[in-house]
Amino acid sequence: LMQPTLITETPRGNSIQRADNGQFMVCDCHQVCKVTQSLYAAERVMEQMEQGYQFPYSTAFHAKAE
């Protein structure tokens, strides 16, 4: 049984690995992984991990005025 092959790892600890079944695993720094069918899809997942939440989520919370 082959071990996954590391393709890339970011400074934040996110990584893309090629699995022995031809799929790709995108893992965050806590080793929570998502499996994709293509490297392109893996790169898209990686972009989302690196950027974090996007608008409107990051701006939806405001301090309560008193």
C-alpha atoms as a PDB file:
ATOM      1  CA  LEU A   1       0.000   0.000   0.000  1.00  0.00           C
ATOM      2  CA  MET A   2       1.484   3.324  -1.080  1.00  0.00           C
ATOM      3  CA  GLN A   3       1.621   6.373   1.140  1.00  0.00           C
ATOM      4  CA  PRO A   4       0.136   9.664  -0.142  1.00  0.00           C
ATOM      5  CA  THR A   5       2.652  11.814  -2.025  1.00  0.00           C
ATOM      6  CA  LEU A   6       2.995  15.426  -0.890  1.00  0.00           C
ATOM      7  CA  ILE A   7       2.490  17.848  -3.779  1.00  0.00           C
ATOM      8  CA  THR A   8       2.583  21.147  -1.897  1.00  0.00           C
ATOM      9  CA  GLU A   9       2.395  22.577   1.595  1.00  0.00           C
ATOM     10  CA  THR A  10       1.710  26.208   2.459  1.00  0.00           C
ATOM     11  CA  PRO A  11       3.237  28.260   5.286  1.00  0.00           C
ATOM     12  CA  ARG A  12      -0.143  27.926   7.061  1.00  0.00           C
ATOM     13  CA  GLY A  13       0.250  24.145   7.115  1.00  0.00           C
ATOM     14  CA  ASN A  14      -2.361  23.333   4.468  1.00  0.00           C
ATOM     15  CA  SER A  15      -1.306  20.650   2.002  1.00  0.00           C
ATOM     16  CA  ILE A  16      -2.260  18.801  -1.173  1.00  0.00           C
ATOM     17  CA  GLN A  17      -1.319  15.146  -1.438  1.00  0.00           C
ATOM     18  CA  ARG A  18      -1.827  12.627  -4.228  1.00  0.00           C
ATOM     19  CA  ALA A  19      -3.439   9.435  -2.954  1.00  0.00           C
ATOM     20  CA  ASP A  20      -2.516   6.054  -4.430  1.00  0.00           C
ATOM     21  CA  ASN A  21      -6.001   5.758  -5.985  1.00  0.00           C
ATOM     22  CA  GLY A  22      -5.429   8.813  -8.203  1.00  0.00           C
ATOM     23  CA  GLN A  23      -7.455  11.162  -6.028  1.00  0.00           C
ATOM     24  CA  PHE A  24      -6.118  14.202  -4.190  1.00  0.00           C
ATOM     25  CA  MET A  25      -6.370  15.020  -0.493  1.00  0.00           C
ATOM     26  CA  VAL A  26      -6.426  18.622   0.670  1.00  0.00           C
ATOM     27  CA  CYS A  27      -5.622  18.816   4.381  1.00  0.00           C
ATOM     28  CA  ASP A  28      -5.574  21.748   6.766  1.00  0.00           C
ATOM     29  CA  CYS A  29      -3.050  22.240   9.560  1.00  0.00           C
ATOM     30  CA  HIS A  30      -5.219  20.107  11.870  1.00  0.00           C
ATOM     31  CA  GLN A  31      -5.142  17.211   9.363  1.00  0.00           C
ATOM     32  CA  VAL A  32      -8.826  17.622   8.511  1.00  0.00           C
ATOM     33  CA  CYS A  33      -8.887  16.503   4.877  1.00  0.00           C
ATOM     34  CA  LYS A  34     -11.161  16.720   1.848  1.00  0.00           C
ATOM     35  CA  VAL A  35     -10.793  14.300  -1.072  1.00  0.00           C
ATOM     36  CA  THR A  36     -11.091  15.588  -4.651  1.00  0.00           C
ATOM     37  CA  GLN A  37     -11.044  13.867  -8.034  1.00  0.00           C
ATOM     38  CA  SER A  38      -8.648  16.296  -9.734  1.00  0.00           C
ATOM     39  CA  LEU A  39      -5.681  18.494  -8.954  1.00  0.00           C
ATOM     40  CA  TYR A  40      -7.661  21.493 -10.205  1.00  0.00           C
ATOM     41  CA  ALA A  41     -10.423  20.823  -7.665  1.00  0.00           C
ATOM     42  CA  ALA A  42      -7.800  20.344  -4.948  1.00  0.00           C
ATOM     43  CA  GLU A  43      -6.255  23.712  -5.796  1.00  0.00           C
ATOM     44  CA  ARG A  44      -9.671  25.393  -5.551  1.00  0.00           C
ATOM     45  CA  VAL A  45     -10.255  23.864  -2.094  1.00  0.00           C
ATOM     46  CA  MET A  46      -6.771  24.984  -1.065  1.00  0.00           C
ATOM     47  CA  GLU A  47      -7.530  28.563  -2.186  1.00  0.00           C
ATOM     48  CA  GLN A  48     -10.652  28.597  -0.006  1.00  0.00           C
ATOM     49  CA  MET A  49      -8.674  27.295   2.987  1.00  0.00           C
ATOM     50  CA  GLU A  50      -5.966  29.909   2.501  1.00  0.00           C
ATOM     51  CA  GLN A  51      -8.375  32.831   2.098  1.00  0.00           C
ATOM     52  CA  GLY A  52     -10.739  31.898   4.925  1.00  0.00           C
ATOM     53  CA  TYR A  53     -14.309  33.077   4.915  1.00  0.00           C
ATOM     54  CA  GLN A  54     -15.248  35.463   2.166  1.00  0.00           C
ATOM     55  CA  PHE A  55     -17.794  38.282   2.043  1.00  0.00           C
ATOM     56  CA  PRO A  56     -20.457  38.491   3.407  1.00  0.00           C
ATOM     57  CA  TYR A  57     -19.480  36.223   6.300  1.00  0.00           C
ATOM     58  CA  SER A  58     -16.399  38.166   7.376  1.00  0.00           C
ATOM     59  CA  THR A  59     -18.265  41.469   7.504  1.00  0.00           C
ATOM     60  CA  ALA A  60     -21.645  40.280   8.839  1.00  0.00           C
ATOM     61  CA  PHE A  61     -20.768  40.805  12.498  1.00  0.00           C
ATOM     62  CA  HIS A  62     -20.783  44.266  14.017  1.00  0.00           C
ATOM     63  CA  ALA A  63     -20.212  45.494  17.542  1.00  0.00           C
ATOM     64  CA  LYS A  64     -23.459  46.307  19.330  1.00  0.00           C
ATOM     65  CA  ALA A  65     -23.866  50.055  19.780  1.00  0.00           C
ATOM     66  CA  GLU A  66     -24.576  51.114  23.363  1.00  0.00           C
END
